[in-house]
């Protein structure tokens, strides 16, 4: 039986909270490192783990992760959010060189999943450039700062999308109607955005901000699991609604037949040599041309756990790959299935027809978690 260690630095990451059930159903033992009273801690399908009461510094958090890994001996370590992803990448370098066989084993297992210098969510714009250089379609983009002029942005056309690296849940993304508006949006995003770790001199810098050409068309995504750049299982979907609109996480989706989208995702996974669970966001252009890659999320997304419902069990595919067992996909790409994601669609519109006419993904099998989500949501989204 393989063992998974979830690492989360977020209190209310719904995608992280849904992973233990999906992993357990796929045959994993499941452990977690997360903040005290995080939604992840309310899962009834954890075998153990550790919590931290306050946000620790990076080295203290690495120590907690390492000690938990020594206890549970995971076959896979899964970052559930951007900060956890960056922390594990640092842990692959910083785990104490002493400590004998246990420390050496921890360095190997963390390095197995996060030591390859792969794509980090804090460097999304660089990932776009890497994907574009491989001939995969991406929006044209340009890094912008105080020296950028409206004339510099003219080749991108209008309107423009302005994005900050390390953004999440639609925060750090804005649409600009003109080049001058894009420069103003850049200033706003820089003020509101997180600061990144310095280059070794003790200073910190702002996350990179880019302007991208606007591509008209519906949003789409691919949820997948992969090992060493080989896609194990995946399913594509078109986004019907976001919460909040227009750049927030999906709240209603339609899973369907998008072979070009799957092909693009497979090429990106191979290019990055990615291992783990992730999601690729794209645009399906209105003119019917090839999908446009936007970004890769190097963590479980809010749809990762849904695969078993549609015959594309991402977690079981990973369990089989880790144990050398055969995996058979039952995904039928010709079957369309609409879903309302909980609690996003409920937050977006309490009277949404998707809540009653289509599958509503409420975790009824985890009553404590459902109660916690229902309790905290009005405080997080008072509207």
Protein backbone atom coordinates (compact mmCIF):
# COMPACT_ATOMS: atom_id res chain seq x y z
CA UNK A 1 0.00 0.00 0.00
CA UNK A 2 1.61 3.30 -1.08
CA UNK A 3 1.78 6.26 1.30
CA UNK A 4 1.11 9.92 0.45
CA UNK A 5 2.20 12.95 2.47
CA UNK A 6 0.19 16.12 1.82
CA UNK A 7 1.90 19.41 2.67
CA UNK A 8 -0.30 22.50 2.95
CA UNK A 9 0.41 26.02 4.18
CA UNK A 10 -3.14 27.26 3.50
CA UNK A 11 -6.05 27.35 5.94
CA UNK A 12 -8.95 27.17 3.49
CA UNK A 13 -7.68 25.36 0.40
CA UNK A 14 -10.68 23.28 -0.70
CA UNK A 15 -8.65 21.25 -3.18
CA UNK A 16 -6.28 20.11 -0.42
CA UNK A 17 -9.15 19.15 1.87
CA UNK A 18 -10.69 16.87 -0.77
CA UNK A 19 -7.49 14.95 -1.52
CA UNK A 20 -7.38 12.53 1.47
CA UNK A 21 -10.68 10.91 0.48
CA UNK A 22 -9.60 10.50 -3.15
CA UNK A 23 -6.19 9.15 -2.19
CA UNK A 24 -7.61 6.75 0.39
CA UNK A 25 -10.18 5.42 -2.11
CA UNK A 26 -7.30 4.80 -4.53
CA UNK A 27 -5.44 2.67 -1.99
CA UNK A 28 -3.07 5.15 -0.30
CA UNK A 29 -2.24 5.66 3.34
CA UNK A 30 -2.59 9.42 3.81
CA UNK A 31 -0.69 11.79 6.12
CA UNK A 32 -0.67 15.58 6.22
CA UNK A 33 1.33 18.56 7.45
CA UNK A 34 -0.90 21.63 7.69
CA UNK A 35 -1.84 24.62 9.88
CA UNK A 36 -3.92 23.87 12.96
CA UNK A 37 -7.67 23.95 12.16
CA UNK A 38 -7.06 24.07 8.41
CA UNK A 39 -9.84 22.48 6.34
CA UNK A 40 -7.45 19.65 5.48
CA UNK A 41 -7.35 18.69 9.15
CA UNK A 42 -11.13 18.10 9.11
CA UNK A 43 -10.85 15.18 6.67
CA UNK A 44 -11.96 11.83 8.09
CA UNK A 45 -9.50 10.00 5.82
CA UNK A 46 -6.14 10.98 7.31
CA UNK A 47 -3.96 8.32 8.91
CA UNK A 48 -1.88 10.88 10.76
CA UNK A 49 0.45 13.83 10.38
CA UNK A 50 1.37 17.06 12.13
CA UNK A 51 -0.09 20.52 12.48
CA UNK A 52 1.58 23.83 13.23
CA UNK A 53 -0.19 26.48 15.30
CA UNK A 54 1.45 29.53 13.76
CA UNK A 55 3.06 30.24 10.42
CA UNK A 56 6.63 29.03 10.92
CA UNK A 57 9.69 30.30 9.12
CA UNK A 58 10.87 28.24 6.18
CA UNK A 59 13.54 26.27 8.05
CA UNK A 60 11.17 25.36 10.89
CA UNK A 61 8.55 24.22 8.40
CA UNK A 62 11.14 22.12 6.58
CA UNK A 63 12.00 20.48 9.92
CA UNK A 64 8.32 19.61 10.52
CA UNK A 65 8.00 18.16 7.00
CA UNK A 66 11.18 16.14 7.36
CA UNK A 67 10.25 14.67 10.74
CA UNK A 68 6.78 13.74 9.48
CA UNK A 69 8.28 12.09 6.42
CA UNK A 70 10.61 10.03 8.61
CA UNK A 71 7.60 8.82 10.61
CA UNK A 72 5.30 7.89 7.72
CA UNK A 73 7.83 7.02 4.96
CA UNK A 74 5.81 8.42 2.02
CA UNK A 75 6.12 7.16 -1.53
CA UNK A 76 4.89 10.54 -2.79
CA UNK A 77 4.96 14.04 -1.28
CA UNK A 78 2.26 16.41 -2.54
CA UNK A 79 2.41 20.21 -2.20
CA UNK A 80 -1.14 21.55 -1.93
CA UNK A 81 -0.47 25.25 -2.52
CA UNK A 82 2.13 27.62 -3.89
CA UNK A 83 3.93 28.23 -0.60
CA UNK A 84 4.16 24.50 0.12
CA UNK A 85 5.47 23.97 -3.42
CA UNK A 86 8.24 26.55 -2.94
CA UNK A 87 9.04 25.25 0.55
CA UNK A 88 9.50 21.69 -0.70
CA UNK A 89 11.74 22.92 -3.52
CA UNK A 90 13.91 24.61 -0.87
CA UNK A 91 13.72 21.54 1.38
CA UNK A 92 15.31 19.45 -1.37
CA UNK A 93 18.38 21.66 -0.90
CA UNK A 94 18.27 22.51 2.80
CA UNK A 95 17.43 19.31 4.70
CA UNK A 96 20.20 18.91 7.25
CA UNK A 97 23.14 17.06 5.77
CA UNK A 98 23.70 15.20 9.08
CA UNK A 99 21.36 12.86 10.86
CA UNK A 100 22.44 9.57 9.36
CA UNK A 101 20.28 7.30 7.24
CA UNK A 102 16.95 9.00 8.06
CA UNK A 103 18.16 12.42 6.92
CA UNK A 104 19.64 10.91 3.76
CA UNK A 105 16.34 9.15 3.01
CA UNK A 106 14.36 12.39 3.50
CA UNK A 107 16.67 14.23 1.12
CA UNK A 108 16.11 11.52 -1.48
CA UNK A 109 12.30 11.39 -1.22
CA UNK A 110 11.86 15.18 -1.25
CA UNK A 111 14.37 15.45 -4.07
CA UNK A 112 12.46 12.76 -5.98
CA UNK A 113 9.41 15.01 -6.22
CA UNK A 114 10.76 18.56 -5.80
CA UNK A 115 14.49 18.49 -6.46
CA UNK A 116 14.52 18.66 -10.23
CA UNK A 117 14.20 22.41 -10.63
CA UNK A 118 10.83 21.97 -12.30
CA UNK A 119 8.13 24.62 -12.77
CA UNK A 120 7.24 26.60 -9.65
CA UNK A 121 3.97 28.51 -9.38
CA UNK A 122 6.01 31.53 -8.29
CA UNK A 123 7.62 31.53 -11.76
CA UNK A 124 4.58 31.07 -13.99
CA UNK A 125 5.59 33.65 -16.57
CA UNK A 126 8.94 31.90 -17.13
CA UNK A 127 7.05 28.64 -17.62
CA UNK A 128 5.01 30.30 -20.38
CA UNK A 129 8.23 31.30 -22.12
CA UNK A 130 9.60 27.76 -21.80
CA UNK A 131 6.43 26.25 -23.24
CA UNK A 132 6.39 28.76 -26.09
CA UNK A 133 9.98 27.94 -27.00
CA UNK A 134 8.90 24.31 -27.52
CA UNK A 135 6.39 25.36 -30.17
CA UNK A 136 3.29 25.09 -28.00
CA UNK A 137 0.85 27.95 -28.51
CA UNK A 138 0.88 30.58 -25.76
CA UNK A 139 -0.23 34.22 -25.57
CA UNK A 140 2.48 36.69 -26.53
CA UNK A 141 3.74 38.35 -23.38
CA UNK A 142 6.18 40.95 -22.09
CA UNK A 143 7.59 41.52 -18.62
CA UNK A 144 6.71 45.03 -17.47
CA UNK A 145 8.07 47.41 -14.84
CA UNK A 146 8.40 51.15 -14.17
CA UNK A 147 10.41 51.63 -17.36
CA UNK A 148 7.73 50.11 -19.61
CA UNK A 149 5.94 52.55 -21.91
CA UNK A 150 2.68 52.29 -23.80
CA UNK A 151 4.67 52.09 -27.02
CA UNK A 152 6.53 49.03 -25.71
CA UNK A 153 3.21 47.19 -25.31
CA UNK A 154 1.83 48.11 -28.74
CA UNK A 155 2.85 44.79 -30.41
CA UNK A 156 0.58 42.89 -27.98
CA UNK A 157 -2.54 44.72 -29.15
CA UNK A 158 -5.54 45.52 -26.95
CA UNK A 159 -7.12 44.58 -24.67
CA UNK A 160 -4.36 43.11 -22.49
CA UNK A 161 -4.14 40.72 -19.56
CA UNK A 162 -1.83 41.79 -16.73
CA UNK A 163 -0.62 38.95 -14.47
CA UNK A 164 1.60 38.71 -11.42
CA UNK A 165 3.63 35.59 -10.76
CA UNK A 166 2.65 33.76 -7.57
CA UNK A 167 -0.98 34.80 -8.03
CA UNK A 168 -3.78 32.53 -6.84
CA UNK A 169 -7.56 32.17 -7.09
CA UNK A 170 -7.84 34.97 -9.62
CA UNK A 171 -6.04 37.51 -7.45
CA UNK A 172 -3.15 39.10 -9.27
CA UNK A 173 -4.82 39.02 -12.70
CA UNK A 174 -6.50 41.99 -14.38
CA UNK A 175 -7.82 42.91 -17.80
CA UNK A 176 -6.62 46.22 -19.25
CA UNK A 177 -8.38 47.98 -22.12
CA UNK A 178 -5.31 49.92 -23.23
CA UNK A 179 -1.53 49.88 -22.86
CA UNK A 180 -1.67 52.83 -20.47
CA UNK A 181 -4.30 51.02 -18.41
CA UNK A 182 -2.02 47.95 -18.31
CA UNK A 183 0.80 50.03 -16.84
CA UNK A 184 -1.56 51.38 -14.16
CA UNK A 185 -2.77 47.86 -13.39
CA UNK A 186 0.84 46.73 -13.09
CA UNK A 187 1.43 49.32 -10.38
CA UNK A 188 -1.66 48.16 -8.47
CA UNK A 189 -0.69 44.48 -8.68
CA UNK A 190 2.84 45.24 -7.54
CA UNK A 191 1.62 47.07 -4.45
CA UNK A 192 -0.87 44.31 -3.56
CA UNK A 193 1.34 41.36 -4.44
CA UNK A 194 3.63 39.15 -2.36
CA UNK A 195 7.34 39.66 -2.24
CA UNK A 196 9.67 36.92 -3.40
CA UNK A 197 12.70 35.47 -1.73
CA UNK A 198 15.88 37.42 -2.44
CA UNK A 199 18.86 36.31 -4.45
CA UNK A 200 21.08 35.68 -1.49
CA UNK A 201 21.93 39.19 -0.39
CA UNK A 202 19.19 39.40 2.23
CA UNK A 203 16.95 41.59 0.12
CA UNK A 204 13.57 40.74 -1.33
CA UNK A 205 12.07 41.65 -4.66
CA UNK A 206 8.61 41.90 -6.12
CA UNK A 207 7.09 39.03 -8.05
CA UNK A 208 7.44 39.39 -11.82
CA UNK A 209 4.53 41.02 -13.67
CA UNK A 210 3.78 40.46 -17.34
CA UNK A 211 1.38 41.84 -19.91
CA UNK A 212 -0.15 39.25 -22.25
CA UNK A 213 -2.17 39.52 -25.41
CA UNK A 214 -5.87 38.84 -24.88
CA UNK A 215 -7.21 35.70 -26.57
CA UNK A 216 -10.99 35.58 -26.89
CA UNK A 217 -12.61 32.28 -25.97
CA UNK A 218 -13.85 30.15 -23.07
CA UNK A 219 -11.49 29.02 -20.34
CA UNK A 220 -10.61 25.35 -20.17
CA UNK A 221 -8.41 23.10 -18.05
CA UNK A 222 -6.90 19.64 -17.84
CA UNK A 223 -6.52 17.86 -14.50
CA UNK A 224 -3.82 15.20 -14.55
CA UNK A 225 -1.41 12.95 -12.70
CA UNK A 226 2.06 12.32 -14.11
CA UNK A 227 5.32 10.56 -13.35
CA UNK A 228 8.67 11.61 -14.81
CA UNK A 229 7.02 13.54 -17.61
CA UNK A 230 4.63 10.73 -18.54
CA UNK A 231 0.96 11.55 -18.17
CA UNK A 232 -0.69 8.74 -16.21
CA UNK A 233 -4.30 9.91 -16.44
CA UNK A 234 -6.10 13.13 -17.31
CA UNK A 235 -9.46 14.66 -18.12
CA UNK A 236 -10.28 17.98 -19.83
CA UNK A 237 -13.11 20.36 -19.14
CA UNK A 238 -14.54 23.69 -20.23
CA UNK A 239 -15.25 26.30 -17.57
CA UNK A 240 -18.88 27.43 -17.46
CA UNK A 241 -18.52 29.87 -14.54
CA UNK A 242 -15.79 31.32 -12.34
CA UNK A 243 -15.99 32.46 -8.72
CA UNK A 244 -15.28 35.31 -8.76
CA UNK A 245 -15.75 36.22 -12.40
CA UNK A 246 -13.84 36.54 -14.66
CA UNK A 247 -10.52 35.11 -13.43
CA UNK A 248 -11.33 33.21 -10.23
CA UNK A 249 -11.38 29.42 -9.80
CA UNK A 250 -13.91 27.37 -11.74
CA UNK A 251 -17.29 27.04 -10.07
CA UNK A 252 -19.18 25.13 -12.79
CA UNK A 253 -17.57 22.95 -15.45
CA UNK A 254 -18.43 20.71 -18.38
CA UNK A 255 -16.24 17.64 -18.86
CA UNK A 256 -16.20 16.63 -22.51
CA UNK A 257 -14.25 15.75 -25.62
CA UNK A 258 -11.25 18.05 -26.15
CA UNK A 259 -8.52 15.97 -27.84
CA UNK A 260 -6.41 19.00 -28.82
CA UNK A 261 -6.47 20.19 -25.21
CA UNK A 262 -5.36 16.79 -23.93
CA UNK A 263 -2.61 16.62 -26.54
CA UNK A 264 -1.31 20.05 -25.52
CA UNK A 265 -1.34 19.06 -21.83
CA UNK A 266 0.55 15.85 -22.57
CA UNK A 267 3.22 17.82 -24.45
CA UNK A 268 3.59 20.30 -21.60
CA UNK A 269 3.91 17.53 -18.98
CA UNK A 270 6.59 15.81 -21.08
CA UNK A 271 8.44 19.09 -21.66
CA UNK A 272 8.54 19.87 -17.94
CA UNK A 273 9.35 16.30 -16.91
CA UNK A 274 6.65 16.75 -14.30
CA UNK A 275 5.81 14.29 -11.53
CA UNK A 276 2.76 14.63 -9.30
CA UNK A 277 -0.75 16.03 -9.55
CA UNK A 278 -1.47 19.20 -11.44
CA UNK A 279 -3.66 21.21 -13.73
CA UNK A 280 -3.11 23.11 -16.96
CA UNK A 281 -5.22 26.17 -17.75
CA UNK A 282 -5.86 27.24 -21.32
CA UNK A 283 -8.14 29.19 -23.65
CA UNK A 284 -10.22 27.56 -26.38
CA UNK A 285 -10.13 30.32 -29.04
CA UNK A 286 -13.44 31.44 -30.47
CA UNK A 287 -12.11 30.85 -33.99
CA UNK A 288 -11.65 27.13 -33.32
CA UNK A 289 -7.87 27.24 -33.61
CA UNK A 290 -5.44 25.38 -31.34
CA UNK A 291 -5.79 25.77 -27.54
CA UNK A 292 -3.67 28.50 -25.97
CA UNK A 293 -1.65 27.47 -22.92
CA UNK A 294 -1.93 29.91 -19.99
CA UNK A 295 -0.31 28.27 -16.97
CA UNK A 296 0.40 25.05 -15.14
CA UNK A 297 -0.58 24.52 -11.51
CA UNK A 298 2.00 22.22 -9.92
CA UNK A 299 -0.36 20.91 -7.24
CA UNK A 300 -3.74 19.22 -6.94
CA UNK A 301 -6.47 21.51 -8.23
CA UNK A 302 -10.07 21.65 -7.09
CA UNK A 303 -11.04 19.04 -9.70
CA UNK A 304 -8.28 16.47 -9.04
CA UNK A 305 -10.49 14.36 -6.75
CA UNK A 306 -13.31 14.15 -9.33
CA UNK A 307 -11.56 11.70 -11.64
CA UNK A 308 -13.02 8.57 -10.06
CA UNK A 309 -16.53 9.79 -10.87
CA UNK A 310 -15.83 9.82 -14.60
CA UNK A 311 -13.52 6.85 -15.01
CA UNK A 312 -10.32 8.92 -15.03
CA UNK A 313 -9.07 8.27 -11.49
CA UNK A 314 -5.94 10.41 -11.20
CA UNK A 315 -5.11 9.07 -7.73
CA UNK A 316 -5.52 5.41 -8.64
CA UNK A 317 -3.39 5.92 -11.74
CA UNK A 318 -0.65 7.32 -9.49
CA UNK A 319 -1.00 4.45 -6.98
CA UNK A 320 -0.66 1.90 -9.77
CA UNK A 321 2.40 3.65 -11.21
CA UNK A 322 4.12 3.74 -7.81
CA UNK A 323 3.44 0.08 -7.10
CA UNK A 324 4.03 -1.27 -10.59
CA UNK A 325 0.40 -2.36 -11.05
CA UNK A 326 -1.57 -2.02 -14.31
CA UNK A 327 -4.09 0.81 -14.56
CA UNK A 328 -7.12 0.78 -16.82
CA UNK A 329 -8.81 4.06 -17.67
CA UNK A 330 -12.59 4.03 -18.09
CA UNK A 331 -12.86 7.65 -19.21
CA UNK A 332 -15.26 8.15 -22.12
CA UNK A 333 -14.32 11.48 -23.73
CA UNK A 334 -17.50 11.53 -25.82
CA UNK A 335 -19.69 11.73 -22.72
CA UNK A 336 -20.43 15.27 -21.57
CA UNK A 337 -20.97 15.85 -17.87
CA UNK A 338 -21.68 19.18 -16.19
CA UNK A 339 -20.79 19.70 -12.53
CA UNK A 340 -21.20 22.40 -9.91
CA UNK A 341 -18.11 22.65 -7.71
CA UNK A 342 -18.61 23.12 -3.98
CA UNK A 343 -18.61 25.67 -2.49
CA UNK A 344 -17.69 27.88 -5.46
CA UNK A 345 -20.97 27.74 -7.38
CA UNK A 346 -22.98 28.06 -4.15
CA UNK A 347 -20.99 31.21 -3.34
CA UNK A 348 -21.40 32.60 -6.87
CA UNK A 349 -25.16 32.15 -7.04
CA UNK A 350 -27.27 30.49 -4.34
CA UNK A 351 -30.00 30.08 -6.98
CA UNK A 352 -27.77 28.68 -9.71
CA UNK A 353 -29.52 25.99 -11.76
CA UNK A 354 -26.27 24.01 -11.75
CA UNK A 355 -26.80 23.30 -8.04
CA UNK A 356 -29.95 21.29 -8.72
CA UNK A 357 -29.92 20.29 -12.40
CA UNK A 358 -26.41 18.80 -12.46
CA UNK A 359 -24.04 16.97 -10.14
CA UNK A 360 -23.17 19.15 -7.14
CA UNK A 361 -19.86 18.09 -5.63
CA UNK A 362 -20.68 18.42 -1.92
CA UNK A 363 -18.51 16.11 0.28
CA UNK A 364 -21.46 14.43 2.00
CA UNK A 365 -19.21 11.49 2.92
CA UNK A 366 -17.23 13.89 5.16
CA UNK A 367 -19.79 15.60 7.35
CA UNK A 368 -17.23 17.35 9.59
CA UNK A 369 -15.59 18.95 6.59
CA UNK A 370 -18.90 19.93 5.02
CA UNK A 371 -19.95 21.56 8.29
CA UNK A 372 -16.62 23.40 8.52
CA UNK A 373 -16.94 24.72 4.96
CA UNK A 374 -20.53 25.83 5.53
CA UNK A 375 -19.45 27.53 8.75
CA UNK A 376 -16.45 29.42 7.39
CA UNK A 377 -17.78 30.37 3.94
CA UNK A 378 -20.07 33.23 5.09
CA UNK A 379 -17.09 34.79 6.88
CA UNK A 380 -14.81 34.47 3.84
CA UNK A 381 -17.51 35.54 1.37
CA UNK A 382 -19.95 37.78 3.29
CA UNK A 383 -21.73 38.82 0.08
